[in-house]
């Protein structure tokens, strides 16, 4: 079966599912925010850094070709 998520993404999804099984409280929104900030945000940050790095490399390659 085709899986559109990487192994790392599947682990993040499982962590989110596990988290929601444990969180029936009045502070759920704050806990969700903390969970995302502490557990998931770094994944998206790293993707952003990788994308920015690739864009800079691509731009610098095109710039040097036009000189």
PDB file of N, CA and C in Angstrom:
ATOM      1  N   UNK A   1       0.830  -1.179   0.000  1.00  0.00           N
ATOM      2  CA  UNK A   1       0.000   0.000   0.000  1.00  0.00           C
ATOM      3  C   UNK A   1       0.879   1.250   0.000  1.00  0.00           C
ATOM      4  N   UNK A   2       0.492   2.236  -0.793  1.00  0.00           N
ATOM      5  CA  UNK A   2       1.223   3.493  -0.908  1.00  0.00           C
ATOM      6  C   UNK A   2       1.098   4.285   0.387  1.00  0.00           C
ATOM      7  N   UNK A   3       2.223   4.757   0.879  1.00  0.00           N
ATOM      8  CA  UNK A   3       2.222   5.564   2.098  1.00  0.00           C
ATOM      9  C   UNK A   3       2.823   6.920   1.778  1.00  0.00           C
ATOM     10  N   UNK A   4       2.060   7.979   1.986  1.00  0.00           N
ATOM     11  CA  UNK A   4       2.522   9.316   1.621  1.00  0.00           C
ATOM     12  C   UNK A   4       3.373   9.977   2.685  1.00  0.00           C
ATOM     13  N   UNK A   5       3.549   9.326   3.829  1.00  0.00           N
ATOM     14  CA  UNK A   5       4.329   9.907   4.907  1.00  0.00           C
ATOM     15  C   UNK A   5       5.624   9.129   5.101  1.00  0.00           C
ATOM     16  N   UNK A   6       6.689   9.867   5.403  1.00  0.00           N
ATOM     17  CA  UNK A   6       7.964   9.223   5.721  1.00  0.00           C
ATOM     18  C   UNK A   6       7.844   8.529   7.072  1.00  0.00           C
ATOM     19  N   UNK A   7       8.837   7.722   7.397  1.00  0.00           N
ATOM     20  CA  UNK A   7       8.836   7.031   8.690  1.00  0.00           C
ATOM     21  C   UNK A   7       8.839   8.048   9.838  1.00  0.00           C
ATOM     22  N   UNK A   8       9.620   9.109   9.690  1.00  0.00           N
ATOM     23  CA  UNK A   8       9.666  10.140  10.722  1.00  0.00           C
ATOM     24  C   UNK A   8       8.300  10.809  10.881  1.00  0.00           C
ATOM     25  N   UNK A   9       7.633  11.096   9.769  1.00  0.00           N
ATOM     26  CA  UNK A   9       6.309  11.710   9.832  1.00  0.00           C
ATOM     27  C   UNK A   9       5.299  10.760  10.474  1.00  0.00           C
ATOM     28  N   UNK A  10       5.403   9.477  10.176  1.00  0.00           N
ATOM     29  CA  UNK A  10       4.509   8.494  10.801  1.00  0.00           C
ATOM     30  C   UNK A  10       4.709   8.466  12.311  1.00  0.00           C
ATOM     31  N   UNK A  11       5.954   8.588  12.752  1.00  0.00           N
ATOM     32  CA  UNK A  11       6.237   8.611  14.189  1.00  0.00           C
ATOM     33  C   UNK A  11       5.642   9.862  14.839  1.00  0.00           C
ATOM     34  N   UNK A  12       5.711  10.991  14.134  1.00  0.00           N
ATOM     35  CA  UNK A  12       5.120  12.228  14.655  1.00  0.00           C
ATOM     36  C   UNK A  12       3.610  12.073  14.764  1.00  0.00           C
ATOM     37  N   UNK A  13       2.995  11.515  13.733  1.00  0.00           N
ATOM     38  CA  UNK A  13       1.545  11.293  13.753  1.00  0.00           C
ATOM     39  C   UNK A  13       1.161  10.389  14.912  1.00  0.00           C
ATOM     40  N   UNK A  14       1.923   9.332  15.129  1.00  0.00           N
ATOM     41  CA  UNK A  14       1.644   8.430  16.246  1.00  0.00           C
ATOM     42  C   UNK A  14       1.776   9.158  17.577  1.00  0.00           C
ATOM     43  N   UNK A  15       2.779  10.018  17.701  1.00  0.00           N
ATOM     44  CA  UNK A  15       2.950  10.799  18.931  1.00  0.00           C
ATOM     45  C   UNK A  15       1.756  11.716  19.172  1.00  0.00           C
ATOM     46  N   UNK A  16       1.262  12.329  18.118  1.00  0.00           N
ATOM     47  CA  UNK A  16       0.086  13.201  18.242  1.00  0.00           C
ATOM     48  C   UNK A  16      -1.134  12.391  18.666  1.00  0.00           C
ATOM     49  N   UNK A  17      -1.317  11.235  18.045  1.00  0.00           N
ATOM     50  CA  UNK A  17      -2.452  10.385  18.409  1.00  0.00           C
ATOM     51  C   UNK A  17      -2.351   9.952  19.869  1.00  0.00           C
ATOM     52  N   UNK A  18      -1.174   9.534  20.293  1.00  0.00           N
ATOM     53  CA  UNK A  18      -0.968   9.130  21.689  1.00  0.00           C
ATOM     54  C   UNK A  18      -1.247  10.303  22.630  1.00  0.00           C
ATOM     55  N   UNK A  19      -0.786  11.477  22.247  1.00  0.00           N
ATOM     56  CA  UNK A  19      -0.992  12.663  23.077  1.00  0.00           C
ATOM     57  C   UNK A  19      -2.477  12.924  23.287  1.00  0.00           C
ATOM     58  N   UNK A  20      -3.276  12.852  22.222  1.00  0.00           N
ATOM     59  CA  UNK A  20      -4.694  13.149  22.351  1.00  0.00           C
ATOM     60  C   UNK A  20      -5.450  12.096  23.152  1.00  0.00           C
ATOM     61  N   UNK A  21      -4.912  10.906  23.245  1.00  0.00           N
ATOM     62  CA  UNK A  21      -5.540   9.892  24.087  1.00  0.00           C
ATOM     63  C   UNK A  21      -5.377  10.226  25.574  1.00  0.00           C
ATOM     64  N   UNK A  22      -4.354  11.025  25.882  1.00  0.00           N
ATOM     65  CA  UNK A  22      -4.024  11.343  27.269  1.00  0.00           C
ATOM     66  C   UNK A  22      -4.520  12.708  27.728  1.00  0.00           C
ATOM     67  N   UNK A  23      -5.176  13.495  26.885  1.00  0.00           N
ATOM     68  CA  UNK A  23      -5.414  14.905  27.196  1.00  0.00           C
ATOM     69  C   UNK A  23      -6.883  15.298  27.297  1.00  0.00           C
ATOM     70  N   UNK A  24      -7.643  14.776  28.219  1.00  0.00           N
ATOM     71  CA  UNK A  24      -9.000  15.309  28.415  1.00  0.00           C
ATOM     72  C   UNK A  24      -9.009  16.328  29.554  1.00  0.00           C
ATOM     73  N   UNK A  25      -8.440  17.508  29.355  1.00  0.00           N
ATOM     74  CA  UNK A  25      -8.382  18.498  30.437  1.00  0.00           C
ATOM     75  C   UNK A  25      -8.815  19.876  29.946  1.00  0.00           C
ATOM     76  N   UNK A  26      -9.013  20.784  30.905  1.00  0.00           N
ATOM     77  CA  UNK A  26      -9.381  22.158  30.576  1.00  0.00           C
ATOM     78  C   UNK A  26      -8.241  22.905  29.897  1.00  0.00           C
ATOM     79  N   UNK A  27      -7.028  22.424  30.073  1.00  0.00           N
ATOM     80  CA  UNK A  27      -5.863  23.101  29.516  1.00  0.00           C
ATOM     81  C   UNK A  27      -5.365  22.423  28.245  1.00  0.00           C
ATOM     82  N   UNK A  28      -6.250  21.739  27.563  1.00  0.00           N
ATOM     83  CA  UNK A  28      -5.863  20.979  26.376  1.00  0.00           C
ATOM     84  C   UNK A  28      -5.207  21.853  25.319  1.00  0.00           C
ATOM     85  N   UNK A  29      -5.732  23.028  25.053  1.00  0.00           N
ATOM     86  CA  UNK A  29      -5.167  23.890  24.023  1.00  0.00           C
ATOM     87  C   UNK A  29      -3.728  24.278  24.358  1.00  0.00           C
ATOM     88  N   UNK A  30      -3.485  24.628  25.616  1.00  0.00           N
ATOM     89  CA  UNK A  30      -2.129  24.983  26.020  1.00  0.00           C
ATOM     90  C   UNK A  30      -1.197  23.785  25.941  1.00  0.00           C
ATOM     91  N   UNK A  31      -1.688  22.637  26.329  1.00  0.00           N
ATOM     92  CA  UNK A  31      -0.863  21.429  26.272  1.00  0.00           C
ATOM     93  C   UNK A  31      -0.567  21.033  24.839  1.00  0.00           C
ATOM     94  N   UNK A  32      -1.552  21.194  23.944  1.00  0.00           N
ATOM     95  CA  UNK A  32      -1.323  20.902  22.524  1.00  0.00           C
ATOM     96  C   UNK A  32      -0.249  21.843  21.983  1.00  0.00           C
ATOM     97  N   UNK A  33      -0.367  23.121  22.325  1.00  0.00           N
ATOM     98  CA  UNK A  33       0.642  24.079  21.885  1.00  0.00           C
ATOM     99  C   UNK A  33       2.033  23.686  22.379  1.00  0.00           C
ATOM    100  N   UNK A  34       2.139  23.362  23.655  1.00  0.00           N
ATOM    101  CA  UNK A  34       3.430  22.946  24.218  1.00  0.00           C
ATOM    102  C   UNK A  34       3.943  21.685  23.543  1.00  0.00           C
ATOM    103  N   UNK A  35       3.052  20.744  23.313  1.00  0.00           N
ATOM    104  CA  UNK A  35       3.454  19.504  22.653  1.00  0.00           C
ATOM    105  C   UNK A  35       4.018  19.789  21.266  1.00  0.00           C
ATOM    106  N   UNK A  36       3.315  20.605  20.491  1.00  0.00           N
ATOM    107  CA  UNK A  36       3.779  20.921  19.132  1.00  0.00           C
ATOM    108  C   UNK A  36       5.113  21.651  19.196  1.00  0.00           C
ATOM    109  N   UNK A  37       5.201  22.620  20.077  1.00  0.00           N
ATOM    110  CA  UNK A  37       6.425  23.407  20.217  1.00  0.00           C
ATOM    111  C   UNK A  37       7.619  22.526  20.593  1.00  0.00           C
ATOM    112  N   UNK A  38       7.407  21.604  21.513  1.00  0.00           N
ATOM    113  CA  UNK A  38       8.507  20.803  22.033  1.00  0.00           C
ATOM    114  C   UNK A  38       8.802  19.553  21.204  1.00  0.00           C
ATOM    115  N   UNK A  39       7.807  19.019  20.509  1.00  0.00           N
ATOM    116  CA  UNK A  39       7.979  17.712  19.869  1.00  0.00           C
ATOM    117  C   UNK A  39       7.946  17.738  18.354  1.00  0.00           C
ATOM    118  N   UNK A  40       7.233  18.676  17.773  1.00  0.00           N
ATOM    119  CA  UNK A  40       6.993  18.613  16.335  1.00  0.00           C
ATOM    120  C   UNK A  40       7.626  19.795  15.595  1.00  0.00           C
ATOM    121  N   UNK A  41       7.690  20.943  16.222  1.00  0.00           N
ATOM    122  CA  UNK A  41       8.139  22.152  15.534  1.00  0.00           C
ATOM    123  C   UNK A  41       9.525  21.995  14.917  1.00  0.00           C
ATOM    124  N   UNK A  42      10.432  21.317  15.599  1.00  0.00           N
ATOM    125  CA  UNK A  42      11.800  21.168  15.090  1.00  0.00           C
ATOM    126  C   UNK A  42      11.815  20.459  13.739  1.00  0.00           C
ATOM    127  N   UNK A  43      10.892  19.541  13.534  1.00  0.00           N
ATOM    128  CA  UNK A  43      10.800  18.843  12.251  1.00  0.00           C
ATOM    129  C   UNK A  43      10.528  19.850  11.125  1.00  0.00           C
ATOM    130  N   UNK A  44       9.552  20.732  11.337  1.00  0.00           N
ATOM    131  CA  UNK A  44       9.206  21.718  10.315  1.00  0.00           C
ATOM    132  C   UNK A  44      10.292  22.779  10.180  1.00  0.00           C
ATOM    133  N   UNK A  45      10.930  23.128  11.268  1.00  0.00           N
ATOM    134  CA  UNK A  45      12.049  24.063  11.220  1.00  0.00           C
ATOM    135  C   UNK A  45      13.170  23.497  10.354  1.00  0.00           C
ATOM    136  N   UNK A  46      13.513  22.243  10.584  1.00  0.00           N
ATOM    137  CA  UNK A  46      14.583  21.617   9.810  1.00  0.00           C
ATOM    138  C   UNK A  46      14.242  21.543   8.328  1.00  0.00           C
ATOM    139  N   UNK A  47      12.994  21.258   8.000  1.00  0.00           N
ATOM    140  CA  UNK A  47      12.574  21.252   6.594  1.00  0.00           C
ATOM    141  C   UNK A  47      12.755  22.650   6.000  1.00  0.00           C
ATOM    142  N   UNK A  48      12.379  23.665   6.744  1.00  0.00           N
ATOM    143  CA  UNK A  48      12.547  25.039   6.271  1.00  0.00           C
ATOM    144  C   UNK A  48      14.008  25.388   6.034  1.00  0.00           C
ATOM    145  N   UNK A  49      14.878  24.977   6.945  1.00  0.00           N
ATOM    146  CA  UNK A  49      16.321  25.221   6.781  1.00  0.00           C
ATOM    147  C   UNK A  49      16.839  24.502   5.546  1.00  0.00           C
ATOM    148  N   UNK A  50      16.443  23.244   5.360  1.00  0.00           N
ATOM    149  CA  UNK A  50      16.872  22.482   4.176  1.00  0.00           C
ATOM    150  C   UNK A  50      16.387  23.139   2.889  1.00  0.00           C
ATOM    151  N   UNK A  51      15.147  23.589   2.873  1.00  0.00           N
ATOM    152  CA  UNK A  51      14.597  24.260   1.694  1.00  0.00           C
ATOM    153  C   UNK A  51      15.335  25.566   1.414  1.00  0.00           C
ATOM    154  N   UNK A  52      15.616  26.341   2.464  1.00  0.00           N
ATOM    155  CA  UNK A  52      16.338  27.599   2.290  1.00  0.00           C
ATOM    156  C   UNK A  52      17.750  27.335   1.763  1.00  0.00           C
ATOM    157  N   UNK A  53      18.401  26.327   2.295  1.00  0.00           N
ATOM    158  CA  UNK A  53      19.744  25.971   1.851  1.00  0.00           C
ATOM    159  C   UNK A  53      19.733  25.594   0.372  1.00  0.00           C
ATOM    160  N   UNK A  54      18.769  24.777  -0.023  1.00  0.00           N
ATOM    161  CA  UNK A  54      18.653  24.367  -1.429  1.00  0.00           C
ATOM    162  C   UNK A  54      18.383  25.581  -2.319  1.00  0.00           C
ATOM    163  N   UNK A  55      17.557  26.509  -1.863  1.00  0.00           N
ATOM    164  CA  UNK A  55      17.262  27.702  -2.656  1.00  0.00           C
ATOM    165  C   UNK A  55      18.496  28.574  -2.825  1.00  0.00           C
ATOM    166  N   UNK A  56      19.275  28.738  -1.755  1.00  0.00           N
ATOM    167  CA  UNK A  56      20.500  29.539  -1.832  1.00  0.00           C
ATOM    168  C   UNK A  56      21.490  28.877  -2.784  1.00  0.00           C
ATOM    169  N   UNK A  57      21.660  27.572  -2.682  1.00  0.00           N
ATOM    170  CA  UNK A  57      22.566  26.868  -3.591  1.00  0.00           C
ATOM    171  C   UNK A  57      22.120  26.998  -5.037  1.00  0.00           C
ATOM    172  N   UNK A  58      20.843  26.836  -5.270  1.00  0.00           N
ATOM    173  CA  UNK A  58      20.304  26.948  -6.620  1.00  0.00           C
ATOM    174  C   UNK A  58      20.519  28.351  -7.170  1.00  0.00           C
ATOM    175  N   UNK A  59      20.260  29.354  -6.338  1.00  0.00           N
ATOM    176  CA  UNK A  59      20.436  30.743  -6.765  1.00  0.00           C
ATOM    177  C   UNK A  59      21.907  31.036  -7.058  1.00  0.00           C
ATOM    178  N   UNK A  60      22.786  30.543  -6.194  1.00  0.00           N
ATOM    179  CA  UNK A  60      24.225  30.819  -6.403  1.00  0.00           C
ATOM    180  C   UNK A  60      24.744  30.103  -7.650  1.00  0.00           C
ATOM    181  N   UNK A  61      24.226  28.938  -7.955  1.00  0.00           N
ATOM    182  CA  UNK A  61      24.635  28.235  -9.187  1.00  0.00           C
ATOM    183  C   UNK A  61      24.195  29.012 -10.407  1.00  0.00           C
ATOM    184  N   UNK A  62      22.963  29.516 -10.387  1.00  0.00           N
ATOM    185  CA  UNK A  62      22.455  30.283 -11.516  1.00  0.00           C
ATOM    186  C   UNK A  62      23.184  31.611 -11.653  1.00  0.00           C
ATOM    187  N   UNK A  63      23.569  32.216 -10.536  1.00  0.00           N
ATOM    188  CA  UNK A  63      24.276  33.488 -10.562  1.00  0.00           C
ATOM    189  C   UNK A  63      25.661  33.331 -11.149  1.00  0.00           C
ATOM    190  N   UNK A  64      26.374  32.270 -10.794  1.00  0.00           N
ATOM    191  CA  UNK A  64      27.721  32.066 -11.305  1.00  0.00           C
ATOM    192  C   UNK A  64      27.721  31.687 -12.768  1.00  0.00           C
ATOM    193  N   UNK A  65      26.642  31.078 -13.248  1.00  0.00           N
ATOM    194  CA  UNK A  65      26.558  30.726 -14.658  1.00  0.00           C
ATOM    195  C   UNK A  65      26.355  31.963 -15.530  1.00  0.00           C
ATOM    196  N   UNK A  66      25.748  32.997 -14.983  1.00  0.00           N
ATOM    197  CA  UNK A  66      25.433  34.199 -15.755  1.00  0.00           C
ATOM    198  C   UNK A  66      26.555  35.236 -15.719  1.00  0.00           C
ATOM    199  N   UNK A  67      27.661  34.950 -15.043  1.00  0.00           N
ATOM    200  CA  UNK A  67      28.756  35.917 -14.953  1.00  0.00           C
ATOM    201  C   UNK A  67      29.641  35.868 -16.167  1.00  0.00           C
TER     202      UNK A  67
END
